[in-house]
Amino acid sequence: MDLNRLEGLTVFIAVAESGNFAAAGQRLGLSRSAVSLAVRRLEERLGVTLFTRTTRSVGLTEAGQRLFDHASPLLADLDTGLSEAADLGKGPAGTLRLTVPRIAVPLVIEPILADFANAAPRVTLEIVVDDGLVDLARDGFDAGIRLGDQVDADLVGLNLTGPLPWQIVASPDYLAKHGTPETPDDLVDHSCIGYRYTSSPQLYQWELIKNGRPTPFNVRGQVIVNDYASKPIAARQGLGLAYDLEATFAEDVRAGRLVPVLTSYIQTSDGLFLYYPHRHQVMPKLRALIEVCKKHRRRMVDGQH
């Protein structure tokens, strides 16, 4: 489309609706002569007369009526769209799409849902649970929650939980049958439940403390999953050792269904982070979520003292 052809269209609509050049000028904040000039230039570009003019009134020609019938609803929709877009910048409104791993739902999402709904009643929070790594821009998300080491350096990260310890567990039956590993090097003799992100062909490496520093270990076993919740299920059935955040296995450990091993070699993660792109001005809907998360984090810290 030649955008030059649209010049003067708003003035044309104002004259058609007002039936008067002077009234249209008052509506647009223009002089009568400026309105008349804009209409005349539009007519010249289109090569057709749009108004019949008399000393008392202004009426639409057939060409003018056809243009008005098509252009008026389109400009009205455009004006509505511009207003709605501007409204999203004035206060929390619209849809906020958030990608989160399953483990973040009980740890972070559940505690803030009601607070966020009260703080931003005009925002629809769409939560997409996905344990895989997600590209926010490509996949249409406003923000995400991931472990700190999974957040790219070019994104803003807000710590939501503080440090979270990892854990290796196995069922009592598995340990009775295969023995208990004493050092990380013993993992080569054990079946380990593997994990693979849907976005990566590589199996996730277990990172344990060896010789005083974090060391990655490649593991293998009979089961590979891409969902955190599948790990305790497989471990309970005696299919091998499972490695994840301590919170993933907490209920099973308390019930005695799973037993922690290699506890002296476990490291602690930085915790879960809310992450989002660098922007000079964060949209109000995301700012509302950030503020609710900060308040929740402060309550968590205060509760630990």
C-alpha atoms as a PDB file:
ATOM      1  CA  MET A   1       0.000   0.000   0.000  1.00  0.00           C
ATOM      2  CA  ASP A   2       1.151   3.517  -0.876  1.00  0.00           C
ATOM      3  CA  LEU A   3       0.928   5.246   2.510  1.00  0.00           C
ATOM      4  CA  ASN A   4       0.889   8.656   0.796  1.00  0.00           C
ATOM      5  CA  ARG A   5      -2.632   7.840  -0.407  1.00  0.00           C
ATOM      6  CA  LEU A   6      -3.795   7.801   3.226  1.00  0.00           C
ATOM      7  CA  GLU A   7      -2.742  11.384   3.895  1.00  0.00           C
ATOM      8  CA  GLY A   8      -5.770  13.540   4.560  1.00  0.00           C
ATOM      9  CA  LEU A   9      -8.064  10.567   5.224  1.00  0.00           C
ATOM     10  CA  THR A  10      -8.733  11.567   8.822  1.00  0.00           C
ATOM     11  CA  VAL A  11      -9.657  15.068   7.654  1.00  0.00           C
ATOM     12  CA  PHE A  12     -11.944  13.609   4.972  1.00  0.00           C
ATOM     13  CA  ILE A  13     -13.791  11.481   7.561  1.00  0.00           C
ATOM     14  CA  ALA A  14     -14.193  14.476   9.883  1.00  0.00           C
ATOM     15  CA  VAL A  15     -15.710  16.605   7.089  1.00  0.00           C
ATOM     16  CA  ALA A  16     -18.007  13.775   5.987  1.00  0.00           C
ATOM     17  CA  GLU A  17     -19.263  13.233   9.540  1.00  0.00           C
ATOM     18  CA  SER A  18     -19.562  16.954  10.329  1.00  0.00           C
ATOM     19  CA  GLY A  19     -21.017  18.009   7.001  1.00  0.00           C
ATOM     20  CA  ASN A  20     -19.025  21.197   7.341  1.00  0.00           C
ATOM     21  CA  PHE A  21     -15.403  22.237   6.802  1.00  0.00           C
ATOM     22  CA  ALA A  22     -15.388  24.671   9.714  1.00  0.00           C
ATOM     23  CA  ALA A  23     -16.901  22.140  12.135  1.00  0.00           C
ATOM     24  CA  ALA A  24     -14.382  19.535  11.023  1.00  0.00           C
ATOM     25  CA  GLY A  25     -11.605  22.032  11.638  1.00  0.00           C
ATOM     26  CA  GLN A  26     -12.811  22.690  15.182  1.00  0.00           C
ATOM     27  CA  ARG A  27     -12.955  18.947  15.836  1.00  0.00           C
ATOM     28  CA  LEU A  28      -9.401  18.428  14.563  1.00  0.00           C
ATOM     29  CA  GLY A  29      -7.900  21.656  15.863  1.00  0.00           C
ATOM     30  CA  LEU A  30      -7.252  22.943  12.329  1.00  0.00           C
ATOM     31  CA  SER A  31      -8.270  26.062  10.455  1.00  0.00           C
ATOM     32  CA  ARG A  32     -10.999  25.879   7.837  1.00  0.00           C
ATOM     33  CA  SER A  33      -8.483  26.625   5.097  1.00  0.00           C
ATOM     34  CA  ALA A  34      -6.177  23.790   6.295  1.00  0.00           C
ATOM     35  CA  VAL A  35      -9.100  21.351   6.202  1.00  0.00           C
ATOM     36  CA  SER A  36     -10.086  22.497   2.722  1.00  0.00           C
ATOM     37  CA  LEU A  37      -6.494  22.163   1.496  1.00  0.00           C
ATOM     38  CA  ALA A  38      -6.143  18.643   2.901  1.00  0.00           C
ATOM     39  CA  VAL A  39      -9.346  17.502   1.194  1.00  0.00           C
ATOM     40  CA  ARG A  40      -8.374  19.118  -2.105  1.00  0.00           C
ATOM     41  CA  ARG A  41      -4.966  17.374  -2.061  1.00  0.00           C
ATOM     42  CA  LEU A  42      -6.625  14.024  -1.314  1.00  0.00           C
ATOM     43  CA  GLU A  43      -9.010  14.543  -4.238  1.00  0.00           C
ATOM     44  CA  GLU A  44      -6.066  15.410  -6.506  1.00  0.00           C
ATOM     45  CA  ARG A  45      -4.160  12.263  -5.513  1.00  0.00           C
ATOM     46  CA  LEU A  46      -7.199  10.073  -6.075  1.00  0.00           C
ATOM     47  CA  GLY A  47      -8.231  11.907  -9.254  1.00  0.00           C
ATOM     48  CA  VAL A  48     -11.864  12.198  -8.172  1.00  0.00           C
ATOM     49  CA  THR A  49     -14.146  14.712  -6.445  1.00  0.00           C
ATOM     50  CA  LEU A  50     -15.207  13.553  -2.972  1.00  0.00           C
ATOM     51  CA  PHE A  51     -17.547  16.378  -1.923  1.00  0.00           C
ATOM     52  CA  THR A  52     -20.183  18.521  -3.576  1.00  0.00           C
ATOM     53  CA  ARG A  53     -19.780  22.017  -2.162  1.00  0.00           C
ATOM     54  CA  THR A  54     -22.324  24.811  -1.976  1.00  0.00           C
ATOM     55  CA  THR A  55     -22.315  28.021  -0.001  1.00  0.00           C
ATOM     56  CA  ARG A  56     -24.570  26.390   2.600  1.00  0.00           C
ATOM     57  CA  SER A  57     -23.582  22.737   2.776  1.00  0.00           C
ATOM     58  CA  VAL A  58     -21.104  20.001   1.924  1.00  0.00           C
ATOM     59  CA  GLY A  59     -22.241  16.596   0.674  1.00  0.00           C
ATOM     60  CA  LEU A  60     -20.541  13.392  -0.429  1.00  0.00           C
ATOM     61  CA  THR A  61     -20.289  12.468  -4.076  1.00  0.00           C
ATOM     62  CA  GLU A  62     -20.751   8.822  -5.066  1.00  0.00           C
ATOM     63  CA  ALA A  63     -16.968   8.345  -4.916  1.00  0.00           C
ATOM     64  CA  GLY A  64     -16.865  10.127  -1.554  1.00  0.00           C
ATOM     65  CA  GLN A  65     -19.656   7.933  -0.177  1.00  0.00           C
ATOM     66  CA  ARG A  66     -17.854   4.743  -1.222  1.00  0.00           C
ATOM     67  CA  LEU A  67     -14.622   5.942   0.357  1.00  0.00           C
ATOM     68  CA  PHE A  68     -16.446   6.907   3.539  1.00  0.00           C
ATOM     69  CA  ASP A  69     -18.247   3.543   3.767  1.00  0.00           C
ATOM     70  CA  HIS A  70     -14.934   1.668   3.583  1.00  0.00           C
ATOM     71  CA  ALA A  71     -12.640   4.044   5.445  1.00  0.00           C
ATOM     72  CA  SER A  72     -14.819   5.075   8.387  1.00  0.00           C
ATOM     73  CA  PRO A  73     -15.038   1.651  10.109  1.00  0.00           C
ATOM     74  CA  LEU A  74     -11.377   0.936   9.375  1.00  0.00           C
ATOM     75  CA  LEU A  75     -10.222   4.200  10.967  1.00  0.00           C
ATOM     76  CA  ALA A  76     -12.551   3.598  13.911  1.00  0.00           C
ATOM     77  CA  ASP A  77     -10.972   0.150  14.456  1.00  0.00           C
ATOM     78  CA  LEU A  78      -7.515   1.659  14.089  1.00  0.00           C
ATOM     79  CA  ASP A  79      -8.324   4.353  16.625  1.00  0.00           C
ATOM     80  CA  THR A  80      -9.627   1.712  19.038  1.00  0.00           C
ATOM     81  CA  GLY A  81      -6.463  -0.328  18.553  1.00  0.00           C
ATOM     82  CA  LEU A  82      -4.251   2.673  19.221  1.00  0.00           C
ATOM     83  CA  SER A  83      -6.225   3.530  22.356  1.00  0.00           C
ATOM     84  CA  GLU A  84      -6.067  -0.034  23.665  1.00  0.00           C
ATOM     85  CA  ALA A  85      -2.336  -0.209  22.993  1.00  0.00           C
ATOM     86  CA  ALA A  86      -1.840   3.075  24.848  1.00  0.00           C
ATOM     87  CA  ASP A  87      -3.958   1.807  27.758  1.00  0.00           C
ATOM     88  CA  LEU A  88      -1.591  -1.144  28.207  1.00  0.00           C
ATOM     89  CA  GLY A  89       1.151   1.353  28.938  1.00  0.00           C
ATOM     90  CA  LYS A  90      -0.893   3.266  31.529  1.00  0.00           C
ATOM     91  CA  GLY A  91      -1.582   0.470  34.009  1.00  0.00           C
ATOM     92  CA  PRO A  92      -1.531  -3.332  34.438  1.00  0.00           C
ATOM     93  CA  ALA A  93      -3.805  -4.771  31.762  1.00  0.00           C
ATOM     94  CA  GLY A  94      -3.878  -7.406  29.041  1.00  0.00           C
ATOM     95  CA  THR A  95      -2.471 -10.943  29.055  1.00  0.00           C
ATOM     96  CA  LEU A  96       0.826 -11.792  30.760  1.00  0.00           C
ATOM     97  CA  ARG A  97       2.329 -15.024  29.386  1.00  0.00           C
ATOM     98  CA  LEU A  98       4.685 -16.787  31.766  1.00  0.00           C
ATOM     99  CA  THR A  99       6.706 -19.972  31.136  1.00  0.00           C
ATOM    100  CA  VAL A 100       7.607 -21.941  34.271  1.00  0.00           C
ATOM    101  CA  PRO A 101       9.083 -25.354  35.107  1.00  0.00           C
ATOM    102  CA  ARG A 102       6.841 -27.746  37.016  1.00  0.00           C
ATOM    103  CA  ILE A 103       8.882 -27.412  40.209  1.00  0.00           C
ATOM    104  CA  ALA A 104       8.201 -23.656  40.261  1.00  0.00           C
ATOM    105  CA  VAL A 105       4.433 -24.122  40.547  1.00  0.00           C
ATOM    106  CA  PRO A 106       4.326 -25.097  44.247  1.00  0.00           C
ATOM    107  CA  LEU A 107       7.443 -23.123  45.186  1.00  0.00           C
ATOM    108  CA  VAL A 108       6.643 -19.794  43.498  1.00  0.00           C
ATOM    109  CA  ILE A 109       3.372 -19.682  41.555  1.00  0.00           C
ATOM    110  CA  GLU A 110       0.924 -20.984  44.169  1.00  0.00           C
ATOM    111  CA  PRO A 111       2.056 -18.506  46.882  1.00  0.00           C
ATOM    112  CA  ILE A 112       1.621 -15.433  44.646  1.00  0.00           C
ATOM    113  CA  LEU A 113      -1.477 -16.227  42.554  1.00  0.00           C
ATOM    114  CA  ALA A 114      -4.055 -14.581  44.794  1.00  0.00           C
ATOM    115  CA  ASP A 115      -1.822 -11.581  45.532  1.00  0.00           C
ATOM    116  CA  PHE A 116      -1.219 -10.977  41.835  1.00  0.00           C
ATOM    117  CA  ALA A 117      -4.917 -11.299  40.989  1.00  0.00           C
ATOM    118  CA  ASN A 118      -5.708  -8.647  43.610  1.00  0.00           C
ATOM    119  CA  ALA A 119      -2.838  -6.367  42.541  1.00  0.00           C
ATOM    120  CA  ALA A 120      -3.638  -6.543  38.822  1.00  0.00           C
ATOM    121  CA  PRO A 121      -7.341  -7.360  38.310  1.00  0.00           C
ATOM    122  CA  ARG A 122      -7.237  -6.331  34.631  1.00  0.00           C
ATOM    123  CA  VAL A 123      -4.425  -8.768  33.807  1.00  0.00           C
ATOM    124  CA  THR A 124      -4.963 -12.337  32.661  1.00  0.00           C
ATOM    125  CA  LEU A 125      -2.006 -14.440  33.833  1.00  0.00           C
ATOM    126  CA  GLU A 126      -1.364 -17.279  31.389  1.00  0.00           C
ATOM    127  CA  ILE A 127       0.953 -19.864  32.976  1.00  0.00           C
ATOM    128  CA  VAL A 128       2.548 -22.378  30.620  1.00  0.00           C
ATOM    129  CA  VAL A 129       4.237 -25.224  32.508  1.00  0.00           C
ATOM    130  CA  ASP A 130       7.224 -26.434  30.484  1.00  0.00           C
ATOM    131  CA  ASP A 131      10.410 -27.965  31.862  1.00  0.00           C
ATOM    132  CA  GLY A 132      12.270 -27.273  28.610  1.00  0.00           C
ATOM    133  CA  LEU A 133      14.346 -24.179  27.881  1.00  0.00           C
ATOM    134  CA  VAL A 134      12.253 -21.480  26.194  1.00  0.00           C
ATOM    135  CA  ASP A 135      13.122 -18.504  23.983  1.00  0.00           C
ATOM    136  CA  LEU A 136      10.877 -15.739  25.321  1.00  0.00           C
ATOM    137  CA  ALA A 137      10.774 -13.611  22.168  1.00  0.00           C
ATOM    138  CA  ARG A 138      10.444 -16.493  19.727  1.00  0.00           C
ATOM    139  CA  ASP A 139       7.748 -18.277  21.708  1.00  0.00           C
ATOM    140  CA  GLY A 140       5.736 -15.187  22.633  1.00  0.00           C
ATOM    141  CA  PHE A 141       6.315 -14.999  26.405  1.00  0.00           C
ATOM    142  CA  ASP A 142       6.582 -11.867  28.509  1.00  0.00           C
ATOM    143  CA  ALA A 143       8.718 -13.558  31.171  1.00  0.00           C
ATOM    144  CA  GLY A 144       9.749 -16.912  32.554  1.00  0.00           C
ATOM    145  CA  ILE A 145      10.946 -18.695  35.670  1.00  0.00           C
ATOM    146  CA  ARG A 146      14.053 -20.886  35.569  1.00  0.00           C
ATOM    147  CA  LEU A 147      17.049 -21.836  37.687  1.00  0.00           C
ATOM    148  CA  GLY A 148      19.702 -19.132  37.805  1.00  0.00           C
ATOM    149  CA  ASP A 149      22.246 -21.028  35.689  1.00  0.00           C
ATOM    150  CA  GLN A 150      19.646 -21.382  32.935  1.00  0.00           C
ATOM    151  CA  VAL A 151      19.035 -17.637  32.552  1.00  0.00           C
ATOM    152  CA  ASP A 152      20.991 -16.005  29.720  1.00  0.00           C
ATOM    153  CA  ALA A 153      23.314 -13.167  30.682  1.00  0.00           C
ATOM    154  CA  ASP A 154      21.483 -10.723  28.391  1.00  0.00           C
ATOM    155  CA  LEU A 155      18.233 -11.108  30.362  1.00  0.00           C
ATOM    156  CA  VAL A 156      17.173  -9.488  33.627  1.00  0.00           C
ATOM    157  CA  GLY A 157      16.963 -11.974  36.491  1.00  0.00           C
ATOM    158  CA  LEU A 158      15.115 -11.566  39.808  1.00  0.00           C
ATOM    159  CA  ASN A 159      15.823 -14.181  42.482  1.00  0.00           C
ATOM    160  CA  LEU A 160      12.562 -15.590  43.821  1.00  0.00           C
ATOM    161  CA  THR A 161      13.589 -18.293  46.270  1.00  0.00           C
ATOM    162  CA  GLY A 162      17.141 -17.862  47.458  1.00  0.00           C
ATOM    163  CA  PRO A 163      19.524 -20.845  47.272  1.00  0.00           C
ATOM    164  CA  LEU A 164      17.955 -24.276  46.698  1.00  0.00           C
ATOM    165  CA  PRO A 165      19.835 -27.511  47.455  1.00  0.00           C
ATOM    166  CA  TRP A 166      20.037 -30.429  45.045  1.00  0.00           C
ATOM    167  CA  GLN A 167      19.578 -34.051  46.055  1.00  0.00           C
ATOM    168  CA  ILE A 168      20.235 -37.596  44.832  1.00  0.00           C
ATOM    169  CA  VAL A 169      17.748 -40.235  45.938  1.00  0.00           C
ATOM    170  CA  ALA A 170      16.915 -43.890  45.400  1.00  0.00           C
ATOM    171  CA  SER A 171      14.300 -46.292  46.690  1.00  0.00           C
ATOM    172  CA  PRO A 172      15.179 -48.546  49.651  1.00  0.00           C
ATOM    173  CA  ASP A 173      14.642 -51.582  47.383  1.00  0.00           C
ATOM    174  CA  TYR A 174      17.099 -50.262  44.789  1.00  0.00           C
ATOM    175  CA  LEU A 175      19.772 -49.626  47.423  1.00  0.00           C
ATOM    176  CA  ALA A 176      19.240 -53.043  48.996  1.00  0.00           C
ATOM    177  CA  LYS A 177      19.690 -54.665  45.598  1.00  0.00           C
ATOM    178  CA  HIS A 178      22.517 -52.536  44.121  1.00  0.00           C
ATOM    179  CA  GLY A 179      24.221 -51.033  47.156  1.00  0.00           C
ATOM    180  CA  THR A 180      24.670 -47.385  48.187  1.00  0.00           C
ATOM    181  CA  PRO A 181      27.142 -45.204  46.235  1.00  0.00           C
ATOM    182  CA  GLU A 182      29.832 -43.772  48.496  1.00  0.00           C
ATOM    183  CA  THR A 183      31.476 -41.253  46.107  1.00  0.00           C
ATOM    184  CA  PRO A 184      30.433 -39.579  42.827  1.00  0.00           C
ATOM    185  CA  ASP A 185      32.775 -41.928  40.937  1.00  0.00           C
ATOM    186  CA  ASP A 186      30.530 -44.825  42.013  1.00  0.00           C
ATOM    187  CA  LEU A 187      27.772 -43.482  39.737  1.00  0.00           C
ATOM    188  CA  VAL A 188      29.295 -45.374  36.788  1.00  0.00           C
ATOM    189  CA  ASP A 189      28.182 -48.611  38.491  1.00  0.00           C
ATOM    190  CA  HIS A 190      24.599 -47.470  38.998  1.00  0.00           C
ATOM    191  CA  SER A 191      21.529 -46.958  36.869  1.00  0.00           C
ATOM    192  CA  CYS A 192      20.723 -43.238  36.865  1.00  0.00           C
ATOM    193  CA  ILE A 193      17.469 -41.689  35.701  1.00  0.00           C
ATOM    194  CA  GLY A 194      18.469 -39.339  32.896  1.00  0.00           C
ATOM    195  CA  TYR A 195      16.979 -36.003  31.965  1.00  0.00           C
ATOM    196  CA  ARG A 196      16.902 -34.335  28.556  1.00  0.00           C
ATOM    197  CA  TYR A 197      15.506 -30.905  27.737  1.00  0.00           C
ATOM    198  CA  THR A 198      13.158 -30.974  24.758  1.00  0.00           C
ATOM    199  CA  SER A 199      15.244 -28.159  23.275  1.00  0.00           C
ATOM    200  CA  SER A 200      18.585 -30.004  23.597  1.00  0.00           C
ATOM    201  CA  PRO A 201      19.944 -33.325  22.266  1.00  0.00           C
ATOM    202  CA  GLN A 202      22.325 -33.666  25.224  1.00  0.00           C
ATOM    203  CA  LEU A 203      21.519 -35.441  28.468  1.00  0.00           C
ATOM    204  CA  TYR A 204      21.644 -33.227  31.538  1.00  0.00           C
ATOM    205  CA  GLN A 205      24.884 -33.683  33.492  1.00  0.00           C
ATOM    206  CA  TRP A 206      24.785 -34.230  37.236  1.00  0.00           C
ATOM    207  CA  GLU A 207      26.997 -31.677  38.956  1.00  0.00           C
ATOM    208  CA  LEU A 208      28.517 -32.779  42.267  1.00  0.00           C
ATOM    209  CA  ILE A 209      31.330 -31.563  44.494  1.00  0.00           C
ATOM    210  CA  LYS A 210      34.598 -33.399  43.806  1.00  0.00           C
ATOM    211  CA  ASN A 211      37.964 -32.308  45.157  1.00  0.00           C
ATOM    212  CA  GLY A 212      36.323 -29.197  46.539  1.00  0.00           C
ATOM    213  CA  ARG A 213      34.788 -27.901  43.320  1.00  0.00           C
ATOM    214  CA  PRO A 214      31.650 -28.528  41.222  1.00  0.00           C
ATOM    215  CA  THR A 215      32.274 -31.301  38.712  1.00  0.00           C
ATOM    216  CA  PRO A 216      29.899 -32.522  35.965  1.00  0.00           C
ATOM    217  CA  PHE A 217      29.212 -36.244  35.690  1.00  0.00           C
ATOM    218  CA  ASN A 218      27.750 -38.031  32.699  1.00  0.00           C
ATOM    219  CA  VAL A 219      25.328 -40.712  33.861  1.00  0.00           C
ATOM    220  CA  ARG A 220      23.375 -43.472  32.165  1.00  0.00           C
ATOM    221  CA  GLY A 221      20.472 -45.742  32.957  1.00  0.00           C
ATOM    222  CA  GLN A 222      17.325 -47.407  31.674  1.00  0.00           C
ATOM    223  CA  VAL A 223      15.064 -44.354  31.855  1.00  0.00           C
ATOM    224  CA  ILE A 224      15.333 -40.853  30.382  1.00  0.00           C
ATOM    225  CA  VAL A 225      12.634 -38.240  31.063  1.00  0.00           C
ATOM    226  CA  ASN A 226      11.965 -34.617  30.117  1.00  0.00           C
ATOM    227  CA  ASP A 227       9.675 -33.821  33.051  1.00  0.00           C
ATOM    228  CA  TYR A 228      10.786 -33.192  36.635  1.00  0.00           C
ATOM    229  CA  ALA A 229       7.752 -34.977  38.083  1.00  0.00           C
ATOM    230  CA  SER A 230       8.701 -38.224  36.308  1.00  0.00           C
ATOM    231  CA  LYS A 231      11.941 -38.541  38.266  1.00  0.00           C
ATOM    232  CA  PRO A 232      10.458 -39.477  41.670  1.00  0.00           C
ATOM    233  CA  ILE A 233       7.982 -41.791  39.932  1.00  0.00           C
ATOM    234  CA  ALA A 234      10.791 -43.751  38.269  1.00  0.00           C
ATOM    235  CA  ALA A 235      12.909 -43.692  41.429  1.00  0.00           C
ATOM    236  CA  ARG A 236      10.070 -45.048  43.586  1.00  0.00           C
ATOM    237  CA  GLN A 237       9.795 -47.994  41.230  1.00  0.00           C
ATOM    238  CA  GLY A 238      13.452 -48.859  41.807  1.00  0.00           C
ATOM    239  CA  LEU A 239      14.636 -47.897  38.326  1.00  0.00           C
ATOM    240  CA  GLY A 240      17.709 -46.038  39.550  1.00  0.00           C
ATOM    241  CA  LEU A 241      19.124 -42.986  41.249  1.00  0.00           C
ATOM    242  CA  ALA A 242      17.383 -39.658  40.609  1.00  0.00           C
ATOM    243  CA  TYR A 243      18.941 -36.165  40.764  1.00  0.00           C
ATOM    244  CA  ASP A 244      17.034 -32.917  41.132  1.00  0.00           C
ATOM    245  CA  LEU A 245      16.189 -30.098  43.504  1.00  0.00           C
ATOM    246  CA  GLU A 246      15.520 -31.315  47.039  1.00  0.00           C
ATOM    247  CA  ALA A 247      11.960 -29.997  46.828  1.00  0.00           C
ATOM    248  CA  THR A 248      11.210 -32.467  44.012  1.00  0.00           C
ATOM    249  CA  PHE A 249      11.668 -35.425  46.366  1.00  0.00           C
ATOM    250  CA  ALA A 250      10.695 -33.864  49.708  1.00  0.00           C
ATOM    251  CA  GLU A 251       7.374 -35.671  50.153  1.00  0.00           C
ATOM    252  CA  ASP A 252       8.792 -39.075  49.182  1.00  0.00           C
ATOM    253  CA  VAL A 253      11.820 -38.615  51.452  1.00  0.00           C
ATOM    254  CA  ARG A 254       9.600 -37.677  54.407  1.00  0.00           C
ATOM    255  CA  ALA A 255       7.486 -40.784  53.779  1.00  0.00           C
ATOM    256  CA  GLY A 256      10.539 -43.040  53.478  1.00  0.00           C
ATOM    257  CA  ARG A 257       9.771 -43.992  49.883  1.00  0.00           C
ATOM    258  CA  LEU A 258      13.070 -42.472  48.739  1.00  0.00           C
ATOM    259  CA  VAL A 259      16.410 -42.196  50.536  1.00  0.00           C
ATOM    260  CA  PRO A 260      19.032 -39.429  49.989  1.00  0.00           C
ATOM    261  CA  VAL A 261      22.533 -40.590  49.012  1.00  0.00           C
ATOM    262  CA  LEU A 262      25.890 -38.869  48.395  1.00  0.00           C
ATOM    263  CA  THR A 263      24.760 -36.043  50.676  1.00  0.00           C
ATOM    264  CA  SER A 264      28.364 -34.905  51.293  1.00  0.00           C
ATOM    265  CA  TYR A 265      28.832 -34.193  47.594  1.00  0.00           C
ATOM    266  CA  ILE A 266      25.668 -32.220  46.903  1.00  0.00           C
ATOM    267  CA  GLN A 267      25.831 -28.573  45.862  1.00  0.00           C
ATOM    268  CA  THR A 268      23.295 -25.779  46.211  1.00  0.00           C
ATOM    269  CA  SER A 269      21.809 -23.880  43.262  1.00  0.00           C
ATOM    270  CA  ASP A 270      21.257 -20.126  43.134  1.00  0.00           C
ATOM    271  CA  GLY A 271      17.533 -20.822  43.155  1.00  0.00           C
ATOM    272  CA  LEU A 272      14.657 -19.933  40.863  1.00  0.00           C
ATOM    273  CA  PHE A 273      14.649 -16.607  39.018  1.00  0.00           C
ATOM    274  CA  LEU A 274      12.011 -14.570  37.246  1.00  0.00           C
ATOM    275  CA  TYR A 275      13.663 -13.507  34.003  1.00  0.00           C
ATOM    276  CA  TYR A 276      12.643 -11.124  31.217  1.00  0.00           C
ATOM    277  CA  PRO A 277      14.249  -9.079  28.410  1.00  0.00           C
ATOM    278  CA  HIS A 278      16.098  -5.830  29.084  1.00  0.00           C
ATOM    279  CA  ARG A 279      13.746  -2.949  28.373  1.00  0.00           C
ATOM    280  CA  HIS A 280      13.939   0.755  29.064  1.00  0.00           C
ATOM    281  CA  GLN A 281      10.383   0.590  30.329  1.00  0.00           C
ATOM    282  CA  VAL A 282       8.909  -2.694  31.562  1.00  0.00           C
ATOM    283  CA  MET A 283       5.215  -3.027  30.700  1.00  0.00           C
ATOM    284  CA  PRO A 284       2.943  -2.312  33.701  1.00  0.00           C
ATOM    285  CA  LYS A 285       1.526  -5.865  33.673  1.00  0.00           C
ATOM    286  CA  LEU A 286       5.034  -7.301  34.104  1.00  0.00           C
ATOM    287  CA  ARG A 287       5.974  -4.614  36.610  1.00  0.00           C
ATOM    288  CA  ALA A 288       2.975  -5.677  38.711  1.00  0.00           C
ATOM    289  CA  LEU A 289       4.214  -9.279  38.721  1.00  0.00           C
ATOM    290  CA  ILE A 290       7.735  -8.171  39.651  1.00  0.00           C
ATOM    291  CA  GLU A 291       6.425  -6.182  42.623  1.00  0.00           C
ATOM    292  CA  VAL A 292       4.300  -9.094  43.861  1.00  0.00           C
ATOM    293  CA  CYS A 293       7.296 -11.439  43.552  1.00  0.00           C
ATOM    294  CA  LYS A 294       9.504  -9.016  45.480  1.00  0.00           C
ATOM    295  CA  LYS A 295       6.958  -8.819  48.312  1.00  0.00           C
ATOM    296  CA  HIS A 296       6.724 -12.606  48.467  1.00  0.00           C
ATOM    297  CA  ARG A 297      10.512 -12.885  48.559  1.00  0.00           C
ATOM    298  CA  ARG A 298      10.684 -10.396  51.444  1.00  0.00           C
ATOM    299  CA  ARG A 299       8.069 -12.416  53.367  1.00  0.00           C
ATOM    300  CA  MET A 300      10.126 -15.564  52.809  1.00  0.00           C
ATOM    301  CA  VAL A 301      13.303 -13.889  54.081  1.00  0.00           C
ATOM    302  CA  ASP A 302      11.512 -12.403  57.104  1.00  0.00           C
ATOM    303  CA  GLY A 303      10.049 -15.826  57.918  1.00  0.00           C
ATOM    304  CA  GLN A 304      13.518 -17.364  57.976  1.00  0.00           C
ATOM    305  CA  HIS A 305      14.702 -14.959  60.696  1.00  0.00           C
END
